[in-house]
Amino acid sequence: MATDYDAPRKTDDDTESIEALKERVPDTLSGVVDVDDADNPGGFDLTGADLFDVELEVVVLPPQADEFTCVNCFLVKHRSQLDHEAKLGPVCSECSV
């Protein structure tokens, strides 16, 4: 038997009007917006902090013996994540999928 999906469906639940449903459900959440300052990165206030002349020091380690750099994603991975060696170099298991 063919079903006409465009035809309106009537059930027992359709007898209530939208106005009756609106009266039954409280509308306390509409219009309330919760704005958190932590979500706004422009809202940080560094009082009295002048960071113009501050030098950041980063320690860069040389490549370790149990690491490789994937030629597809250019991430440094552990040797346990090595899938195969391509013509250009090592490929990790995530990039070989």
Protein backbone atom coordinates (compact mmCIF):
# COMPACT_ATOMS: atom_id res chain seq x y z
CA MET A 1 0.00 0.00 0.00
CA ALA A 2 1.44 3.36 -1.01
CA THR A 3 1.79 6.10 1.59
CA ASP A 4 1.35 9.76 0.80
CA TYR A 5 3.97 11.45 2.97
CA ASP A 6 2.79 14.92 1.97
CA ALA A 7 -0.71 14.36 3.33
CA PRO A 8 -1.37 15.90 6.76
CA ARG A 9 -1.47 13.37 9.57
CA LYS A 10 -4.05 13.58 12.29
CA THR A 11 -3.57 11.96 15.66
CA ASP A 12 -5.18 12.39 19.04
CA ASP A 13 -2.30 14.60 20.18
CA ASP A 14 -3.00 17.15 17.43
CA THR A 15 -6.20 18.34 19.06
CA GLU A 16 -4.48 20.96 21.25
CA SER A 17 -3.70 24.32 19.74
CA ILE A 18 -0.35 25.99 19.87
CA GLU A 19 -1.70 28.65 22.24
CA ALA A 20 -2.75 25.94 24.69
CA LEU A 21 0.70 24.38 24.52
CA LYS A 22 2.36 27.75 25.12
CA GLU A 23 0.24 28.34 28.20
CA ARG A 24 1.11 24.93 29.60
CA VAL A 25 4.89 25.29 29.12
CA PRO A 26 6.51 28.20 31.01
CA ASP A 27 8.57 30.56 28.91
CA THR A 28 11.24 31.39 31.48
CA LEU A 29 14.27 30.70 29.29
CA SER A 30 13.43 32.89 26.34
CA GLY A 31 15.39 36.11 26.14
CA VAL A 32 17.93 35.03 28.75
CA VAL A 33 21.47 35.00 27.43
CA ASP A 34 24.28 33.73 29.63
CA VAL A 35 27.40 35.66 28.70
CA ASP A 36 30.55 34.39 30.35
CA ASP A 37 33.68 36.51 30.20
CA ALA A 38 35.84 33.40 29.99
CA ASP A 39 34.44 32.76 26.53
CA ASN A 40 35.63 36.16 25.34
CA PRO A 41 39.39 36.15 24.81
CA GLY A 42 39.34 39.90 24.20
CA GLY A 43 38.07 40.46 27.73
CA PHE A 44 41.34 39.77 29.53
CA ASP A 45 42.54 42.68 31.57
CA LEU A 46 46.26 42.71 32.33
CA THR A 47 46.42 45.51 34.85
CA GLY A 48 49.81 47.16 34.90
CA ALA A 49 51.43 44.46 32.79
CA ASP A 50 53.63 45.71 29.98
CA LEU A 51 54.67 42.59 28.08
CA PHE A 52 56.36 44.35 25.17
CA ASP A 53 59.95 43.72 26.28
CA VAL A 54 59.41 40.24 27.75
CA GLU A 55 61.44 37.51 26.11
CA LEU A 56 60.00 34.02 26.09
CA GLU A 57 62.40 31.14 26.47
CA VAL A 58 61.57 27.83 24.83
CA VAL A 59 63.74 24.76 25.11
CA VAL A 60 63.90 22.86 21.83
CA LEU A 61 65.00 19.27 22.13
CA PRO A 62 66.85 17.56 19.28
CA PRO A 63 65.14 14.61 17.58
CA GLN A 64 65.14 11.58 19.85
CA ALA A 65 66.15 8.11 18.70
CA ASP A 66 62.62 6.74 19.17
CA GLU A 67 60.87 9.56 17.22
CA PHE A 68 60.21 10.35 13.58
CA THR A 69 58.55 13.17 11.67
CA CYS A 70 55.68 12.10 9.42
CA VAL A 71 56.04 13.36 5.84
CA ASN A 72 52.25 13.82 5.49
CA CYS A 73 51.20 15.63 8.68
CA PHE A 74 54.69 16.87 9.72
CA LEU A 75 54.07 15.86 13.34
CA VAL A 76 56.74 14.28 15.49
CA LYS A 77 55.53 10.81 16.45
CA HIS A 78 56.84 7.90 18.47
CA ARG A 79 58.29 4.96 16.51
CA SER A 80 55.36 2.81 17.64
CA GLN A 81 53.12 4.94 15.38
CA LEU A 82 55.22 4.32 12.28
CA ASP A 83 53.16 2.61 9.59
CA HIS A 84 55.55 2.43 6.65
CA GLU A 85 58.45 4.14 4.94
CA ALA A 86 57.44 5.93 1.74
CA LYS A 87 59.77 7.26 -0.96
CA LEU A 88 59.76 10.66 0.74
CA GLY A 89 60.14 9.35 4.29
CA PRO A 90 58.23 7.83 7.21
CA VAL A 91 54.41 7.87 7.33
CA CYS A 92 52.47 7.58 10.59
CA SER A 93 49.59 5.17 11.10
CA GLU A 94 47.02 8.00 11.16
CA CYS A 95 48.04 9.32 7.74
CA SER A 96 48.15 5.91 6.09
CA VAL A 97 44.44 5.27 6.62
